[in-house]
Amino acid sequence: MPSPQTQDDLLCLCRDTALRWGRGVRRTAGAMIGQPDYDAYVAHATATHADQPPLDKTAFFRLHEQRRFGGAGGFKCC
């Protein structure tokens, strides 16, 4: 029987793997339905538009929904 420390390590490894897999599935599903990746946007905005704060998550997704479905004032970056 494995020691308690080995069991804890295995549990942590399984949990971390499941979380990574879940994030990947969420990102892929979002891309399939046309939802951009918010974390990628924040990284881009921070790197290239440091003088402006990035949009919050709600505003970001609303803006991209307007862009995708033809709302007024579409979004354009760079």
PDB file of N, CA and C in Angstrom:
ATOM      1  N   MET A   1       0.848  -1.180   0.000  1.00  0.00           N
ATOM      2  CA  MET A   1       0.000   0.000   0.000  1.00  0.00           C
ATOM      3  C   MET A   1       0.894   1.244   0.000  1.00  0.00           C
ATOM      4  N   PRO A   2       0.589   2.241  -0.868  1.00  0.00           N
ATOM      5  CA  PRO A   2       1.410   3.453  -0.915  1.00  0.00           C
ATOM      6  C   PRO A   2       1.298   4.252   0.380  1.00  0.00           C
ATOM      7  N   SER A   3       2.352   4.995   0.657  1.00  0.00           N
ATOM      8  CA  SER A   3       2.348   5.826   1.855  1.00  0.00           C
ATOM      9  C   SER A   3       1.361   6.986   1.684  1.00  0.00           C
ATOM     10  N   PRO A   4       0.919   7.591   2.794  1.00  0.00           N
ATOM     11  CA  PRO A   4      -0.011   8.727   2.696  1.00  0.00           C
ATOM     12  C   PRO A   4       0.558   9.876   1.870  1.00  0.00           C
ATOM     13  N   GLN A   5       1.866  10.120   1.966  1.00  0.00           N
ATOM     14  CA  GLN A   5       2.489  11.201   1.188  1.00  0.00           C
ATOM     15  C   GLN A   5       2.403  10.899  -0.306  1.00  0.00           C
ATOM     16  N   THR A   6       2.636   9.654  -0.689  1.00  0.00           N
ATOM     17  CA  THR A   6       2.547   9.262  -2.092  1.00  0.00           C
ATOM     18  C   THR A   6       1.116   9.406  -2.592  1.00  0.00           C
ATOM     19  N   GLN A   7       0.154   9.033  -1.769  1.00  0.00           N
ATOM     20  CA  GLN A   7      -1.247   9.181  -2.148  1.00  0.00           C
ATOM     21  C   GLN A   7      -1.609  10.654  -2.335  1.00  0.00           C
ATOM     22  N   ASP A   8      -1.120  11.515  -1.436  1.00  0.00           N
ATOM     23  CA  ASP A   8      -1.381  12.955  -1.556  1.00  0.00           C
ATOM     24  C   ASP A   8      -0.753  13.509  -2.829  1.00  0.00           C
ATOM     25  N   ASP A   9       0.480  13.075  -3.137  1.00  0.00           N
ATOM     26  CA  ASP A   9       1.148  13.539  -4.345  1.00  0.00           C
ATOM     27  C   ASP A   9       0.371  13.114  -5.590  1.00  0.00           C
ATOM     28  N   LEU A  10      -0.116  11.884  -5.589  1.00  0.00           N
ATOM     29  CA  LEU A  10      -0.881  11.372  -6.716  1.00  0.00           C
ATOM     30  C   LEU A  10      -2.199  12.131  -6.864  1.00  0.00           C
ATOM     31  N   LEU A  11      -2.831  12.416  -5.743  1.00  0.00           N
ATOM     32  CA  LEU A  11      -4.082  13.172  -5.760  1.00  0.00           C
ATOM     33  C   LEU A  11      -3.850  14.574  -6.338  1.00  0.00           C
ATOM     34  N   CYS A  12      -2.784  15.224  -5.905  1.00  0.00           N
ATOM     35  CA  CYS A  12      -2.468  16.558  -6.420  1.00  0.00           C
ATOM     36  C   CYS A  12      -2.174  16.503  -7.917  1.00  0.00           C
ATOM     37  N   LEU A  13      -1.435  15.498  -8.348  1.00  0.00           N
ATOM     38  CA  LEU A  13      -1.116  15.348  -9.764  1.00  0.00           C
ATOM     39  C   LEU A  13      -2.377  15.129 -10.588  1.00  0.00           C
ATOM     40  N   CYS A  14      -3.267  14.283 -10.092  1.00  0.00           N
ATOM     41  CA  CYS A  14      -4.533  14.029 -10.798  1.00  0.00           C
ATOM     42  C   CYS A  14      -5.391  15.285 -10.850  1.00  0.00           C
ATOM     43  N   ARG A  15      -5.480  15.980  -9.736  1.00  0.00           N
ATOM     44  CA  ARG A  15      -6.273  17.211  -9.686  1.00  0.00           C
ATOM     45  C   ARG A  15      -5.713  18.260 -10.648  1.00  0.00           C
ATOM     46  N   ASP A  16      -4.395  18.456 -10.636  1.00  0.00           N
ATOM     47  CA  ASP A  16      -3.771  19.445 -11.520  1.00  0.00           C
ATOM     48  C   ASP A  16      -3.973  19.080 -12.982  1.00  0.00           C
ATOM     49  N   THR A  17      -3.865  17.811 -13.296  1.00  0.00           N
ATOM     50  CA  THR A  17      -4.087  17.357 -14.673  1.00  0.00           C
ATOM     51  C   THR A  17      -5.528  17.597 -15.095  1.00  0.00           C
ATOM     52  N   ALA A  18      -6.463  17.306 -14.214  1.00  0.00           N
ATOM     53  CA  ALA A  18      -7.880  17.520 -14.526  1.00  0.00           C
ATOM     54  C   ALA A  18      -8.181  19.005 -14.716  1.00  0.00           C
ATOM     55  N   LEU A  19      -7.592  19.863 -13.895  1.00  0.00           N
ATOM     56  CA  LEU A  19      -7.807  21.301 -14.041  1.00  0.00           C
ATOM     57  C   LEU A  19      -7.243  21.823 -15.361  1.00  0.00           C
ATOM     58  N   ARG A  20      -6.038  21.370 -15.717  1.00  0.00           N
ATOM     59  CA  ARG A  20      -5.445  21.780 -17.000  1.00  0.00           C
ATOM     60  C   ARG A  20      -6.307  21.309 -18.161  1.00  0.00           C
ATOM     61  N   TRP A  21      -6.778  20.081 -18.090  1.00  0.00           N
ATOM     62  CA  TRP A  21      -7.620  19.524 -19.137  1.00  0.00           C
ATOM     63  C   TRP A  21      -8.918  20.326 -19.247  1.00  0.00           C
ATOM     64  N   GLY A  22      -9.497  20.647 -18.101  1.00  0.00           N
ATOM     65  CA  GLY A  22     -10.739  21.426 -18.087  1.00  0.00           C
ATOM     66  C   GLY A  22     -10.562  22.808 -18.699  1.00  0.00           C
ATOM     67  N   ARG A  23      -9.456  23.466 -18.388  1.00  0.00           N
ATOM     68  CA  ARG A  23      -9.193  24.781 -18.990  1.00  0.00           C
ATOM     69  C   ARG A  23      -9.034  24.665 -20.493  1.00  0.00           C
ATOM     70  N   GLY A  24      -8.361  23.621 -20.936  1.00  0.00           N
ATOM     71  CA  GLY A  24      -8.189  23.406 -22.376  1.00  0.00           C
ATOM     72  C   GLY A  24      -9.516  23.153 -23.070  1.00  0.00           C
ATOM     73  N   VAL A  25     -10.365  22.365 -22.442  1.00  0.00           N
ATOM     74  CA  VAL A  25     -11.687  22.087 -23.014  1.00  0.00           C
ATOM     75  C   VAL A  25     -12.497  23.375 -23.095  1.00  0.00           C
ATOM     76  N   ARG A  26     -12.454  24.181 -22.043  1.00  0.00           N
ATOM     77  CA  ARG A  26     -13.209  25.442 -22.030  1.00  0.00           C
ATOM     78  C   ARG A  26     -12.709  26.378 -23.129  1.00  0.00           C
ATOM     79  N   ARG A  27     -11.372  26.476 -23.280  1.00  0.00           N
ATOM     80  CA  ARG A  27     -10.789  27.327 -24.322  1.00  0.00           C
ATOM     81  C   ARG A  27     -11.182  26.841 -25.709  1.00  0.00           C
ATOM     82  N   THR A  28     -11.110  25.526 -25.917  1.00  0.00           N
ATOM     83  CA  THR A  28     -11.461  24.947 -27.220  1.00  0.00           C
ATOM     84  C   THR A  28     -12.939  25.140 -27.520  1.00  0.00           C
ATOM     85  N   ALA A  29     -13.788  24.882 -26.541  1.00  0.00           N
ATOM     86  CA  ALA A  29     -15.228  25.072 -26.745  1.00  0.00           C
ATOM     87  C   ALA A  29     -15.532  26.533 -27.051  1.00  0.00           C
ATOM     88  N   GLY A  30     -14.886  27.442 -26.356  1.00  0.00           N
ATOM     89  CA  GLY A  30     -15.087  28.862 -26.622  1.00  0.00           C
ATOM     90  C   GLY A  30     -14.663  29.237 -28.030  1.00  0.00           C
ATOM     91  N   ALA A  31     -13.545  28.701 -28.468  1.00  0.00           N
ATOM     92  CA  ALA A  31     -13.076  28.985 -29.830  1.00  0.00           C
ATOM     93  C   ALA A  31     -14.037  28.414 -30.860  1.00  0.00           C
ATOM     94  N   MET A  32     -14.613  27.256 -30.573  1.00  0.00           N
ATOM     95  CA  MET A  32     -15.542  26.630 -31.516  1.00  0.00           C
ATOM     96  C   MET A  32     -16.817  27.448 -31.696  1.00  0.00           C
ATOM     97  N   ILE A  33     -17.247  28.134 -30.644  1.00  0.00           N
ATOM     98  CA  ILE A  33     -18.457  28.941 -30.768  1.00  0.00           C
ATOM     99  C   ILE A  33     -18.140  30.415 -31.001  1.00  0.00           C
ATOM    100  N   GLY A  34     -16.871  30.730 -31.187  1.00  0.00           N
ATOM    101  CA  GLY A  34     -16.493  32.095 -31.520  1.00  0.00           C
ATOM    102  C   GLY A  34     -16.227  33.004 -30.343  1.00  0.00           C
ATOM    103  N   GLN A  35     -16.073  32.449 -29.142  1.00  0.00           N
ATOM    104  CA  GLN A  35     -15.749  33.262 -27.974  1.00  0.00           C
ATOM    105  C   GLN A  35     -14.236  33.372 -27.845  1.00  0.00           C
ATOM    106  N   PRO A  36     -13.705  34.584 -27.839  1.00  0.00           N
ATOM    107  CA  PRO A  36     -12.258  34.744 -27.687  1.00  0.00           C
ATOM    108  C   PRO A  36     -11.804  34.431 -26.263  1.00  0.00           C
ATOM    109  N   ASP A  37     -10.521  34.237 -26.094  1.00  0.00           N
ATOM    110  CA  ASP A  37      -9.928  33.890 -24.804  1.00  0.00           C
ATOM    111  C   ASP A  37      -9.613  35.165 -24.021  1.00  0.00           C
ATOM    112  N   TYR A  38     -10.291  35.379 -22.906  1.00  0.00           N
ATOM    113  CA  TYR A  38     -10.114  36.600 -22.118  1.00  0.00           C
ATOM    114  C   TYR A  38      -8.690  36.725 -21.586  1.00  0.00           C
ATOM    115  N   ASP A  39      -8.105  35.629 -21.105  1.00  0.00           N
ATOM    116  CA  ASP A  39      -6.744  35.690 -20.563  1.00  0.00           C
ATOM    117  C   ASP A  39      -5.740  36.106 -21.638  1.00  0.00           C
ATOM    118  N   ALA A  40      -5.929  35.613 -22.856  1.00  0.00           N
ATOM    119  CA  ALA A  40      -5.051  36.015 -23.960  1.00  0.00           C
ATOM    120  C   ALA A  40      -5.232  37.501 -24.264  1.00  0.00           C
ATOM    121  N   TYR A  41      -6.478  37.983 -24.205  1.00  0.00           N
ATOM    122  CA  TYR A  41      -6.744  39.406 -24.426  1.00  0.00           C
ATOM    123  C   TYR A  41      -6.033  40.256 -23.376  1.00  0.00           C
ATOM    124  N   VAL A  42      -6.134  39.869 -22.101  1.00  0.00           N
ATOM    125  CA  VAL A  42      -5.498  40.643 -21.028  1.00  0.00           C
ATOM    126  C   VAL A  42      -3.984  40.685 -21.236  1.00  0.00           C
ATOM    127  N   ALA A  43      -3.391  39.563 -21.599  1.00  0.00           N
ATOM    128  CA  ALA A  43      -1.947  39.530 -21.853  1.00  0.00           C
ATOM    129  C   ALA A  43      -1.599  40.464 -23.011  1.00  0.00           C
ATOM    130  N   HIS A  44      -2.382  40.417 -24.078  1.00  0.00           N
ATOM    131  CA  HIS A  44      -2.143  41.282 -25.237  1.00  0.00           C
ATOM    132  C   HIS A  44      -2.318  42.755 -24.861  1.00  0.00           C
ATOM    133  N   ALA A  45      -3.415  43.071 -24.172  1.00  0.00           N
ATOM    134  CA  ALA A  45      -3.692  44.460 -23.804  1.00  0.00           C
ATOM    135  C   ALA A  45      -2.613  45.018 -22.885  1.00  0.00           C
ATOM    136  N   THR A  46      -2.155  44.218 -21.957  1.00  0.00           N
ATOM    137  CA  THR A  46      -1.116  44.651 -21.028  1.00  0.00           C
ATOM    138  C   THR A  46       0.199  44.893 -21.764  1.00  0.00           C
ATOM    139  N   ALA A  47       0.514  44.030 -22.713  1.00  0.00           N
ATOM    140  CA  ALA A  47       1.781  44.151 -23.439  1.00  0.00           C
ATOM    141  C   ALA A  47       1.775  45.282 -24.462  1.00  0.00           C
ATOM    142  N   THR A  48       0.666  45.484 -25.154  1.00  0.00           N
ATOM    143  CA  THR A  48       0.671  46.444 -26.264  1.00  0.00           C
ATOM    144  C   THR A  48      -0.075  47.742 -25.988  1.00  0.00           C
ATOM    145  N   HIS A  49      -0.913  47.755 -24.978  1.00  0.00           N
ATOM    146  CA  HIS A  49      -1.688  48.957 -24.652  1.00  0.00           C
ATOM    147  C   HIS A  49      -1.550  49.260 -23.159  1.00  0.00           C
ATOM    148  N   ALA A  50      -0.320  49.384 -22.697  1.00  0.00           N
ATOM    149  CA  ALA A  50      -0.051  49.545 -21.265  1.00  0.00           C
ATOM    150  C   ALA A  50      -0.649  50.828 -20.700  1.00  0.00           C
ATOM    151  N   ASP A  51      -0.929  51.810 -21.547  1.00  0.00           N
ATOM    152  CA  ASP A  51      -1.478  53.076 -21.071  1.00  0.00           C
ATOM    153  C   ASP A  51      -2.978  53.002 -20.791  1.00  0.00           C
ATOM    154  N   GLN A  52      -3.625  51.899 -21.188  1.00  0.00           N
ATOM    155  CA  GLN A  52      -5.069  51.733 -20.989  1.00  0.00           C
ATOM    156  C   GLN A  52      -5.339  50.480 -20.160  1.00  0.00           C
ATOM    157  N   PRO A  53      -6.254  50.573 -19.214  1.00  0.00           N
ATOM    158  CA  PRO A  53      -6.592  49.356 -18.452  1.00  0.00           C
ATOM    159  C   PRO A  53      -7.392  48.403 -19.345  1.00  0.00           C
ATOM    160  N   PRO A  54      -7.183  47.101 -19.219  1.00  0.00           N
ATOM    161  CA  PRO A  54      -7.972  46.157 -20.022  1.00  0.00           C
ATOM    162  C   PRO A  54      -9.440  46.176 -19.580  1.00  0.00           C
ATOM    163  N   LEU A  55     -10.311  45.803 -20.494  1.00  0.00           N
ATOM    164  CA  LEU A  55     -11.739  45.701 -20.175  1.00  0.00           C
ATOM    165  C   LEU A  55     -11.951  44.617 -19.132  1.00  0.00           C
ATOM    166  N   ASP A  56     -12.991  44.763 -18.329  1.00  0.00           N
ATOM    167  CA  ASP A  56     -13.323  43.667 -17.425  1.00  0.00           C
ATOM    168  C   ASP A  56     -13.964  42.551 -18.253  1.00  0.00           C
ATOM    169  N   LYS A  57     -14.117  41.387 -17.653  1.00  0.00           N
ATOM    170  CA  LYS A  57     -14.597  40.208 -18.383  1.00  0.00           C
ATOM    171  C   LYS A  57     -15.961  40.434 -19.034  1.00  0.00           C
ATOM    172  N   THR A  58     -16.880  41.048 -18.310  1.00  0.00           N
ATOM    173  CA  THR A  58     -18.228  41.266 -18.834  1.00  0.00           C
ATOM    174  C   THR A  58     -18.203  42.194 -20.041  1.00  0.00           C
ATOM    175  N   ALA A  59     -17.491  43.310 -19.924  1.00  0.00           N
ATOM    176  CA  ALA A  59     -17.406  44.261 -21.034  1.00  0.00           C
ATOM    177  C   ALA A  59     -16.711  43.637 -22.235  1.00  0.00           C
ATOM    178  N   PHE A  60     -15.679  42.847 -21.990  1.00  0.00           N
ATOM    179  CA  PHE A  60     -14.952  42.184 -23.071  1.00  0.00           C
ATOM    180  C   PHE A  60     -15.865  41.252 -23.863  1.00  0.00           C
ATOM    181  N   PHE A  61     -16.621  40.413 -23.172  1.00  0.00           N
ATOM    182  CA  PHE A  61     -17.485  39.477 -23.872  1.00  0.00           C
ATOM    183  C   PHE A  61     -18.655  40.182 -24.561  1.00  0.00           C
ATOM    184  N   ARG A  62     -19.192  41.224 -23.946  1.00  0.00           N
ATOM    185  CA  ARG A  62     -20.266  41.983 -24.605  1.00  0.00           C
ATOM    186  C   ARG A  62     -19.760  42.630 -25.890  1.00  0.00           C
ATOM    187  N   LEU A  63     -18.572  43.187 -25.830  1.00  0.00           N
ATOM    188  CA  LEU A  63     -17.987  43.831 -27.006  1.00  0.00           C
ATOM    189  C   LEU A  63     -17.798  42.824 -28.134  1.00  0.00           C
ATOM    190  N   HIS A  64     -17.302  41.644 -27.804  1.00  0.00           N
ATOM    191  CA  HIS A  64     -17.082  40.634 -28.841  1.00  0.00           C
ATOM    192  C   HIS A  64     -18.385  40.031 -29.349  1.00  0.00           C
ATOM    193  N   GLU A  65     -19.400  39.972 -28.518  1.00  0.00           N
ATOM    194  CA  GLU A  65     -20.715  39.524 -28.992  1.00  0.00           C
ATOM    195  C   GLU A  65     -21.278  40.533 -29.987  1.00  0.00           C
ATOM    196  N   GLN A  66     -21.136  41.829 -29.687  1.00  0.00           N
ATOM    197  CA  GLN A  66     -21.589  42.864 -30.623  1.00  0.00           C
ATOM    198  C   GLN A  66     -20.836  42.753 -31.947  1.00  0.00           C
ATOM    199  N   ARG A  67     -19.534  42.547 -31.845  1.00  0.00           N
ATOM    200  CA  ARG A  67     -18.712  42.422 -33.049  1.00  0.00           C
ATOM    201  C   ARG A  67     -19.136  41.216 -33.878  1.00  0.00           C
ATOM    202  N   ARG A  68     -19.376  40.118 -33.209  1.00  0.00           N
ATOM    203  CA  ARG A  68     -19.705  38.884 -33.923  1.00  0.00           C
ATOM    204  C   ARG A  68     -21.091  38.928 -34.554  1.00  0.00           C
ATOM    205  N   PHE A  69     -22.040  39.507 -33.839  1.00  0.00           N
ATOM    206  CA  PHE A  69     -23.416  39.487 -34.313  1.00  0.00           C
ATOM    207  C   PHE A  69     -23.883  40.809 -34.902  1.00  0.00           C
ATOM    208  N   GLY A  70     -22.934  41.692 -35.232  1.00  0.00           N
ATOM    209  CA  GLY A  70     -23.270  42.898 -35.962  1.00  0.00           C
ATOM    210  C   GLY A  70     -23.795  44.053 -35.144  1.00  0.00           C
ATOM    211  N   GLY A  71     -23.421  44.125 -33.879  1.00  0.00           N
ATOM    212  CA  GLY A  71     -23.839  45.268 -33.078  1.00  0.00           C
ATOM    213  C   GLY A  71     -23.113  46.526 -33.513  1.00  0.00           C
ATOM    214  N   ALA A  72     -23.587  47.661 -33.065  1.00  0.00           N
ATOM    215  CA  ALA A  72     -22.975  48.943 -33.430  1.00  0.00           C
ATOM    216  C   ALA A  72     -21.621  49.101 -32.755  1.00  0.00           C
ATOM    217  N   GLY A  73     -20.723  49.822 -33.405  1.00  0.00           N
ATOM    218  CA  GLY A  73     -19.424  50.136 -32.800  1.00  0.00           C
ATOM    219  C   GLY A  73     -18.530  48.936 -32.623  1.00  0.00           C
ATOM    220  N   GLY A  74     -18.361  48.131 -33.652  1.00  0.00           N
ATOM    221  CA  GLY A  74     -17.527  46.936 -33.577  1.00  0.00           C
ATOM    222  C   GLY A  74     -16.147  47.204 -33.025  1.00  0.00           C
ATOM    223  N   PHE A  75     -15.510  46.186 -32.574  1.00  0.00           N
ATOM    224  CA  PHE A  75     -14.212  46.260 -31.906  1.00  0.00           C
ATOM    225  C   PHE A  75     -13.089  46.053 -32.903  1.00  0.00           C
ATOM    226  N   LYS A  76     -12.070  46.877 -32.839  1.00  0.00           N
ATOM    227  CA  LYS A  76     -10.892  46.681 -33.679  1.00  0.00           C
ATOM    228  C   LYS A  76      -9.669  47.022 -32.846  1.00  0.00           C
ATOM    229  N   CYS A  77      -8.721  46.140 -32.865  1.00  0.00           N
ATOM    230  CA  CYS A  77      -7.486  46.353 -32.114  1.00  0.00           C
ATOM    231  C   CYS A  77      -6.312  46.212 -33.066  1.00  0.00           C
ATOM    232  N   CYS A  78      -5.401  47.112 -32.936  1.00  0.00           N
ATOM    233  CA  CYS A  78      -4.155  47.094 -33.724  1.00  0.00           C
ATOM    234  C   CYS A  78      -4.436  47.181 -35.198  1.00  0.00           C
TER     235      CYS A  78
END
